[in-house]
Amino acid sequence: MATESVAPDGPVGAAIAGAPLPTLVMLDDGVAAEPTADVDPGTVIRTCANCGAQMDERKCKLICRCGYFLSCSDYY
């Protein structure tokens, strides 16, 4: 009894059937990562994720002038 390899139909099946996969290459851009140990966590949480501005504290919320906000359940 002979065994026969059958690839599924369609473009995905053709890729599985032996077509070469693309090679991913990681490039080093030469820029050293800056240490983040000196960053105050309070400053980071008060920075708007939408526009980067400093957010205002109002009761249990952090509100930005662009309209983005975090409630206390988002950052605790």
PDB file of N, CA and C in Angstrom:
ATOM      1  N   MET A   1       0.838  -1.175   0.000  1.00  0.00           N
ATOM      2  CA  MET A   1       0.000   0.000   0.000  1.00  0.00           C
ATOM      3  C   MET A   1       0.887   1.243   0.000  1.00  0.00           C
ATOM      4  N   ALA A   2       0.683   2.126  -0.956  1.00  0.00           N
ATOM      5  CA  ALA A   2       1.492   3.338  -1.086  1.00  0.00           C
ATOM      6  C   ALA A   2       0.806   4.492  -0.379  1.00  0.00           C
ATOM      7  N   THR A   3       1.612   5.329   0.309  1.00  0.00           N
ATOM      8  CA  THR A   3       1.041   6.516   0.950  1.00  0.00           C
ATOM      9  C   THR A   3       1.265   7.701   0.043  1.00  0.00           C
ATOM     10  N   GLU A   4       0.280   8.537  -0.036  1.00  0.00           N
ATOM     11  CA  GLU A   4       0.331   9.682  -0.935  1.00  0.00           C
ATOM     12  C   GLU A   4       0.039  10.946  -0.151  1.00  0.00           C
ATOM     13  N   SER A   5       0.842  11.980  -0.327  1.00  0.00           N
ATOM     14  CA  SER A   5       0.658  13.249   0.354  1.00  0.00           C
ATOM     15  C   SER A   5      -0.275  14.112  -0.472  1.00  0.00           C
ATOM     16  N   VAL A   6      -1.352  14.579   0.140  1.00  0.00           N
ATOM     17  CA  VAL A   6      -2.323  15.416  -0.564  1.00  0.00           C
ATOM     18  C   VAL A   6      -2.388  16.762   0.138  1.00  0.00           C
ATOM     19  N   ALA A   7      -2.165  17.845  -0.611  1.00  0.00           N
ATOM     20  CA  ALA A   7      -2.248  19.198  -0.061  1.00  0.00           C
ATOM     21  C   ALA A   7      -3.673  19.700  -0.180  1.00  0.00           C
ATOM     22  N   PRO A   8      -4.149  20.460   0.809  1.00  0.00           N
ATOM     23  CA  PRO A   8      -5.488  21.043   0.712  1.00  0.00           C
ATOM     24  C   PRO A   8      -5.571  21.989  -0.480  1.00  0.00           C
ATOM     25  N   ASP A   9      -6.782  22.173  -0.993  1.00  0.00           N
ATOM     26  CA  ASP A   9      -6.984  23.073  -2.135  1.00  0.00           C
ATOM     27  C   ASP A   9      -6.875  24.529  -1.696  1.00  0.00           C
ATOM     28  N   GLY A  10      -6.562  25.404  -2.626  1.00  0.00           N
ATOM     29  CA  GLY A  10      -6.529  26.841  -2.373  1.00  0.00           C
ATOM     30  C   GLY A  10      -5.118  27.352  -2.131  1.00  0.00           C
ATOM     31  N   PRO A  11      -4.985  28.688  -2.009  1.00  0.00           N
ATOM     32  CA  PRO A  11      -3.659  29.308  -1.848  1.00  0.00           C
ATOM     33  C   PRO A  11      -2.965  28.922  -0.546  1.00  0.00           C
ATOM     34  N   VAL A  12      -3.732  28.707   0.522  1.00  0.00           N
ATOM     35  CA  VAL A  12      -3.108  28.313   1.783  1.00  0.00           C
ATOM     36  C   VAL A  12      -2.538  26.918   1.649  1.00  0.00           C
ATOM     37  N   GLY A  13      -3.270  26.040   0.998  1.00  0.00           N
ATOM     38  CA  GLY A  13      -2.793  24.683   0.783  1.00  0.00           C
ATOM     39  C   GLY A  13      -1.518  24.663  -0.033  1.00  0.00           C
ATOM     40  N   ALA A  14      -1.408  25.556  -1.016  1.00  0.00           N
ATOM     41  CA  ALA A  14      -0.200  25.625  -1.823  1.00  0.00           C
ATOM     42  C   ALA A  14       0.995  26.064  -0.978  1.00  0.00           C
ATOM     43  N   ALA A  15       0.755  26.985  -0.032  1.00  0.00           N
ATOM     44  CA  ALA A  15       1.840  27.438   0.844  1.00  0.00           C
ATOM     45  C   ALA A  15       2.283  26.309   1.765  1.00  0.00           C
ATOM     46  N   ILE A  16       1.347  25.517   2.206  1.00  0.00           N
ATOM     47  CA  ILE A  16       1.670  24.406   3.084  1.00  0.00           C
ATOM     48  C   ILE A  16       2.393  23.309   2.310  1.00  0.00           C
ATOM     49  N   ALA A  17       2.069  23.182   1.048  1.00  0.00           N
ATOM     50  CA  ALA A  17       2.569  22.073   0.240  1.00  0.00           C
ATOM     51  C   ALA A  17       4.049  22.178  -0.113  1.00  0.00           C
ATOM     52  N   GLY A  18       4.741  23.193   0.334  1.00  0.00           N
ATOM     53  CA  GLY A  18       6.170  23.218   0.077  1.00  0.00           C
ATOM     54  C   GLY A  18       6.697  24.529  -0.472  1.00  0.00           C
ATOM     55  N   ALA A  19       5.850  25.522  -0.633  1.00  0.00           N
ATOM     56  CA  ALA A  19       6.334  26.818  -1.098  1.00  0.00           C
ATOM     57  C   ALA A  19       7.227  27.403  -0.002  1.00  0.00           C
ATOM     58  N   PRO A  20       8.314  28.079  -0.361  1.00  0.00           N
ATOM     59  CA  PRO A  20       9.221  28.625   0.654  1.00  0.00           C
ATOM     60  C   PRO A  20       8.549  29.742   1.450  1.00  0.00           C
ATOM     61  N   LEU A  21       8.836  29.780   2.733  1.00  0.00           N
ATOM     62  CA  LEU A  21       8.313  30.830   3.600  1.00  0.00           C
ATOM     63  C   LEU A  21       9.277  32.011   3.601  1.00  0.00           C
ATOM     64  N   PRO A  22       8.763  33.237   3.775  1.00  0.00           N
ATOM     65  CA  PRO A  22       9.654  34.399   3.812  1.00  0.00           C
ATOM     66  C   PRO A  22      10.538  34.356   5.055  1.00  0.00           C
ATOM     67  N   THR A  23      11.716  34.927   4.935  1.00  0.00           N
ATOM     68  CA  THR A  23      12.657  34.988   6.044  1.00  0.00           C
ATOM     69  C   THR A  23      12.510  36.326   6.746  1.00  0.00           C
ATOM     70  N   LEU A  24      12.360  36.309   8.060  1.00  0.00           N
ATOM     71  CA  LEU A  24      12.286  37.535   8.837  1.00  0.00           C
ATOM     72  C   LEU A  24      13.670  37.877   9.362  1.00  0.00           C
ATOM     73  N   VAL A  25      14.056  39.134   9.207  1.00  0.00           N
ATOM     74  CA  VAL A  25      15.377  39.575   9.635  1.00  0.00           C
ATOM     75  C   VAL A  25      15.199  40.725  10.614  1.00  0.00           C
ATOM     76  N   MET A  26      15.813  40.625  11.790  1.00  0.00           N
ATOM     77  CA  MET A  26      15.786  41.698  12.774  1.00  0.00           C
ATOM     78  C   MET A  26      16.948  42.646  12.480  1.00  0.00           C
ATOM     79  N   LEU A  27      16.634  43.917  12.314  1.00  0.00           N
ATOM     80  CA  LEU A  27      17.659  44.906  12.023  1.00  0.00           C
ATOM     81  C   LEU A  27      18.012  45.671  13.288  1.00  0.00           C
ATOM     82  N   ASP A  28      19.285  45.935  13.472  1.00  0.00           N
ATOM     83  CA  ASP A  28      19.741  46.740  14.586  1.00  0.00           C
ATOM     84  C   ASP A  28      19.895  48.165  14.073  1.00  0.00           C
ATOM     85  N   ASP A  29      19.078  49.079  14.608  1.00  0.00           N
ATOM     86  CA  ASP A  29      19.146  50.462  14.122  1.00  0.00           C
ATOM     87  C   ASP A  29      20.277  51.261  14.763  1.00  0.00           C
ATOM     88  N   GLY A  30      21.033  50.642  15.669  1.00  0.00           N
ATOM     89  CA  GLY A  30      22.182  51.308  16.264  1.00  0.00           C
ATOM     90  C   GLY A  30      21.841  52.249  17.393  1.00  0.00           C
ATOM     91  N   VAL A  31      20.560  52.389  17.713  1.00  0.00           N
ATOM     92  CA  VAL A  31      20.157  53.292  18.779  1.00  0.00           C
ATOM     93  C   VAL A  31      20.059  52.484  20.067  1.00  0.00           C
ATOM     94  N   ALA A  32      20.807  52.917  21.064  1.00  0.00           N
ATOM     95  CA  ALA A  32      20.779  52.227  22.348  1.00  0.00           C
ATOM     96  C   ALA A  32      19.515  52.616  23.104  1.00  0.00           C
ATOM     97  N   ALA A  33      18.907  51.670  23.757  1.00  0.00           N
ATOM     98  CA  ALA A  33      17.715  51.945  24.547  1.00  0.00           C
ATOM     99  C   ALA A  33      18.109  52.742  25.789  1.00  0.00           C
ATOM    100  N   GLU A  34      17.316  53.756  26.085  1.00  0.00           N
ATOM    101  CA  GLU A  34      17.597  54.576  27.256  1.00  0.00           C
ATOM    102  C   GLU A  34      17.091  53.869  28.502  1.00  0.00           C
ATOM    103  N   PRO A  35      17.830  53.958  29.592  1.00  0.00           N
ATOM    104  CA  PRO A  35      17.353  53.328  30.822  1.00  0.00           C
ATOM    105  C   PRO A  35      16.085  54.026  31.320  1.00  0.00           C
ATOM    106  N   THR A  36      15.138  53.254  31.811  1.00  0.00           N
ATOM    107  CA  THR A  36      13.878  53.825  32.270  1.00  0.00           C
ATOM    108  C   THR A  36      13.754  53.824  33.783  1.00  0.00           C
ATOM    109  N   ALA A  37      14.820  53.508  34.499  1.00  0.00           N
ATOM    110  CA  ALA A  37      14.768  53.438  35.958  1.00  0.00           C
ATOM    111  C   ALA A  37      14.549  54.817  36.592  1.00  0.00           C
ATOM    112  N   ASP A  38      14.915  55.887  35.918  1.00  0.00           N
ATOM    113  CA  ASP A  38      14.798  57.227  36.478  1.00  0.00           C
ATOM    114  C   ASP A  38      13.425  57.858  36.258  1.00  0.00           C
ATOM    115  N   VAL A  39      12.525  57.179  35.572  1.00  0.00           N
ATOM    116  CA  VAL A  39      11.216  57.738  35.263  1.00  0.00           C
ATOM    117  C   VAL A  39      10.270  57.507  36.435  1.00  0.00           C
ATOM    118  N   ASP A  40       9.601  58.569  36.858  1.00  0.00           N
ATOM    119  CA  ASP A  40       8.642  58.487  37.953  1.00  0.00           C
ATOM    120  C   ASP A  40       7.356  57.825  37.448  1.00  0.00           C
ATOM    121  N   PRO A  41       6.913  56.731  38.071  1.00  0.00           N
ATOM    122  CA  PRO A  41       5.696  56.064  37.618  1.00  0.00           C
ATOM    123  C   PRO A  41       4.460  56.964  37.663  1.00  0.00           C
ATOM    124  N   GLY A  42       4.433  57.904  38.598  1.00  0.00           N
ATOM    125  CA  GLY A  42       3.315  58.842  38.676  1.00  0.00           C
ATOM    126  C   GLY A  42       3.241  59.743  37.464  1.00  0.00           C
ATOM    127  N   THR A  43       4.391  60.122  36.941  1.00  0.00           N
ATOM    128  CA  THR A  43       4.423  60.949  35.733  1.00  0.00           C
ATOM    129  C   THR A  43       3.952  60.146  34.530  1.00  0.00           C
ATOM    130  N   VAL A  44       4.330  58.891  34.463  1.00  0.00           N
ATOM    131  CA  VAL A  44       3.941  58.042  33.337  1.00  0.00           C
ATOM    132  C   VAL A  44       2.429  57.846  33.313  1.00  0.00           C
ATOM    133  N   ILE A  45       1.826  57.574  34.464  1.00  0.00           N
ATOM    134  CA  ILE A  45       0.390  57.309  34.492  1.00  0.00           C
ATOM    135  C   ILE A  45      -0.416  58.571  34.198  1.00  0.00           C
ATOM    136  N   ARG A  46       0.146  59.747  34.494  1.00  0.00           N
ATOM    137  CA  ARG A  46      -0.552  61.001  34.224  1.00  0.00           C
ATOM    138  C   ARG A  46      -0.304  61.529  32.811  1.00  0.00           C
ATOM    139  N   THR A  47       0.429  60.789  32.000  1.00  0.00           N
ATOM    140  CA  THR A  47       0.679  61.196  30.616  1.00  0.00           C
ATOM    141  C   THR A  47      -0.381  60.578  29.719  1.00  0.00           C
ATOM    142  N   CYS A  48      -1.011  61.381  28.905  1.00  0.00           N
ATOM    143  CA  CYS A  48      -2.094  60.929  28.027  1.00  0.00           C
ATOM    144  C   CYS A  48      -1.559  59.955  26.982  1.00  0.00           C
ATOM    145  N   ALA A  49      -2.213  58.819  26.860  1.00  0.00           N
ATOM    146  CA  ALA A  49      -1.818  57.818  25.874  1.00  0.00           C
ATOM    147  C   ALA A  49      -2.237  58.233  24.466  1.00  0.00           C
ATOM    148  N   ASN A  50      -3.140  59.191  24.356  1.00  0.00           N
ATOM    149  CA  ASN A  50      -3.636  59.629  23.059  1.00  0.00           C
ATOM    150  C   ASN A  50      -2.766  60.731  22.454  1.00  0.00           C
ATOM    151  N   CYS A  51      -2.445  61.765  23.256  1.00  0.00           N
ATOM    152  CA  CYS A  51      -1.707  62.907  22.698  1.00  0.00           C
ATOM    153  C   CYS A  51      -0.392  63.205  23.402  1.00  0.00           C
ATOM    154  N   GLY A  52      -0.128  62.598  24.564  1.00  0.00           N
ATOM    155  CA  GLY A  52       1.131  62.794  25.266  1.00  0.00           C
ATOM    156  C   GLY A  52       1.151  63.962  26.232  1.00  0.00           C
ATOM    157  N   ALA A  53       0.033  64.673  26.372  1.00  0.00           N
ATOM    158  CA  ALA A  53      -0.033  65.811  27.288  1.00  0.00           C
ATOM    159  C   ALA A  53      -0.210  65.324  28.730  1.00  0.00           C
ATOM    160  N   GLN A  54       0.056  66.205  29.678  1.00  0.00           N
ATOM    161  CA  GLN A  54      -0.147  65.902  31.089  1.00  0.00           C
ATOM    162  C   GLN A  54      -1.644  65.939  31.392  1.00  0.00           C
ATOM    163  N   MET A  55      -2.193  64.885  32.023  1.00  0.00           N
ATOM    164  CA  MET A  55      -3.616  64.830  32.339  1.00  0.00           C
ATOM    165  C   MET A  55      -3.879  65.442  33.709  1.00  0.00           C
ATOM    166  N   ASP A  56      -5.093  65.959  33.896  1.00  0.00           N
ATOM    167  CA  ASP A  56      -5.509  66.567  35.154  1.00  0.00           C
ATOM    168  C   ASP A  56      -6.235  65.534  35.999  1.00  0.00           C
ATOM    169  N   GLU A  57      -5.998  65.597  37.329  1.00  0.00           N
ATOM    170  CA  GLU A  57      -6.698  64.716  38.259  1.00  0.00           C
ATOM    171  C   GLU A  57      -7.989  65.388  38.694  1.00  0.00           C
ATOM    172  N   ARG A  58      -9.103  64.679  38.536  1.00  0.00           N
ATOM    173  CA  ARG A  58     -10.400  65.155  38.997  1.00  0.00           C
ATOM    174  C   ARG A  58     -11.094  63.999  39.696  1.00  0.00           C
ATOM    175  N   LYS A  59     -11.160  64.092  41.018  1.00  0.00           N
ATOM    176  CA  LYS A  59     -11.695  63.030  41.872  1.00  0.00           C
ATOM    177  C   LYS A  59     -10.981  61.729  41.554  1.00  0.00           C
ATOM    178  N   CYS A  60     -11.675  60.760  40.999  1.00  0.00           N
ATOM    179  CA  CYS A  60     -11.075  59.451  40.743  1.00  0.00           C
ATOM    180  C   CYS A  60     -10.693  59.274  39.275  1.00  0.00           C
ATOM    181  N   LYS A  61     -10.657  60.362  38.512  1.00  0.00           N
ATOM    182  CA  LYS A  61     -10.355  60.255  37.081  1.00  0.00           C
ATOM    183  C   LYS A  61      -9.151  61.104  36.712  1.00  0.00           C
ATOM    184  N   LEU A  62      -8.459  60.664  35.676  1.00  0.00           N
ATOM    185  CA  LEU A  62      -7.430  61.470  35.029  1.00  0.00           C
ATOM    186  C   LEU A  62      -8.015  61.870  33.687  1.00  0.00           C
ATOM    187  N   ILE A  63      -8.093  63.178  33.426  1.00  0.00           N
ATOM    188  CA  ILE A  63      -8.747  63.682  32.226  1.00  0.00           C
ATOM    189  C   ILE A  63      -7.768  64.540  31.437  1.00  0.00           C
ATOM    190  N   CYS A  64      -7.720  64.314  30.114  1.00  0.00           N
ATOM    191  CA  CYS A  64      -6.853  65.092  29.232  1.00  0.00           C
ATOM    192  C   CYS A  64      -7.677  66.112  28.458  1.00  0.00           C
ATOM    193  N   ARG A  65      -7.021  67.164  28.011  1.00  0.00           N
ATOM    194  CA  ARG A  65      -7.713  68.196  27.245  1.00  0.00           C
ATOM    195  C   ARG A  65      -8.174  67.690  25.876  1.00  0.00           C
ATOM    196  N   CYS A  66      -7.597  66.571  25.401  1.00  0.00           N
ATOM    197  CA  CYS A  66      -8.015  66.025  24.100  1.00  0.00           C
ATOM    198  C   CYS A  66      -9.273  65.160  24.221  1.00  0.00           C
ATOM    199  N   GLY A  67      -9.716  64.910  25.475  1.00  0.00           N
ATOM    200  CA  GLY A  67     -10.916  64.116  25.685  1.00  0.00           C
ATOM    201  C   GLY A  67     -10.643  62.722  26.215  1.00  0.00           C
ATOM    202  N   TYR A  68      -9.407  62.289  26.178  1.00  0.00           N
ATOM    203  CA  TYR A  68      -9.050  60.972  26.698  1.00  0.00           C
ATOM    204  C   TYR A  68      -9.115  61.003  28.215  1.00  0.00           C
ATOM    205  N   PHE A  69      -9.570  59.899  28.839  1.00  0.00           N
ATOM    206  CA  PHE A  69      -9.592  59.850  30.298  1.00  0.00           C
ATOM    207  C   PHE A  69      -9.368  58.428  30.789  1.00  0.00           C
ATOM    208  N   LEU A  70      -8.949  58.341  32.036  1.00  0.00           N
ATOM    209  CA  LEU A  70      -8.812  57.073  32.734  1.00  0.00           C
ATOM    210  C   LEU A  70      -9.602  57.183  34.023  1.00  0.00           C
ATOM    211  N   SER A  71     -10.373  56.155  34.336  1.00  0.00           N
ATOM    212  CA  SER A  71     -11.040  56.133  35.633  1.00  0.00           C
ATOM    213  C   SER A  71     -10.125  55.416  36.614  1.00  0.00           C
ATOM    214  N   CYS A  72     -10.453  55.464  37.886  1.00  0.00           N
ATOM    215  CA  CYS A  72      -9.574  54.867  38.889  1.00  0.00           C
ATOM    216  C   CYS A  72      -9.418  53.359  38.683  1.00  0.00           C
ATOM    217  N   SER A  73     -10.406  52.713  38.112  1.00  0.00           N
ATOM    218  CA  SER A  73     -10.278  51.263  37.884  1.00  0.00           C
ATOM    219  C   SER A  73      -9.294  50.961  36.758  1.00  0.00           C
ATOM    220  N   ASP A  74      -8.970  51.933  35.922  1.00  0.00           N
ATOM    221  CA  ASP A  74      -8.029  51.718  34.813  1.00  0.00           C
ATOM    222  C   ASP A  74      -6.579  51.767  35.269  1.00  0.00           C
ATOM    223  N   TYR A  75      -6.268  52.519  36.310  1.00  0.00           N
ATOM    224  CA  TYR A  75      -4.866  52.669  36.677  1.00  0.00           C
ATOM    225  C   TYR A  75      -4.524  52.161  38.067  1.00  0.00           C
ATOM    226  N   TYR A  76      -5.424  51.508  38.764  1.00  0.00           N
ATOM    227  CA  TYR A  76      -5.095  50.885  40.051  1.00  0.00           C
ATOM    228  C   TYR A  76      -5.024  49.414  39.909  1.00  0.00           C
TER     229      TYR A  76
END
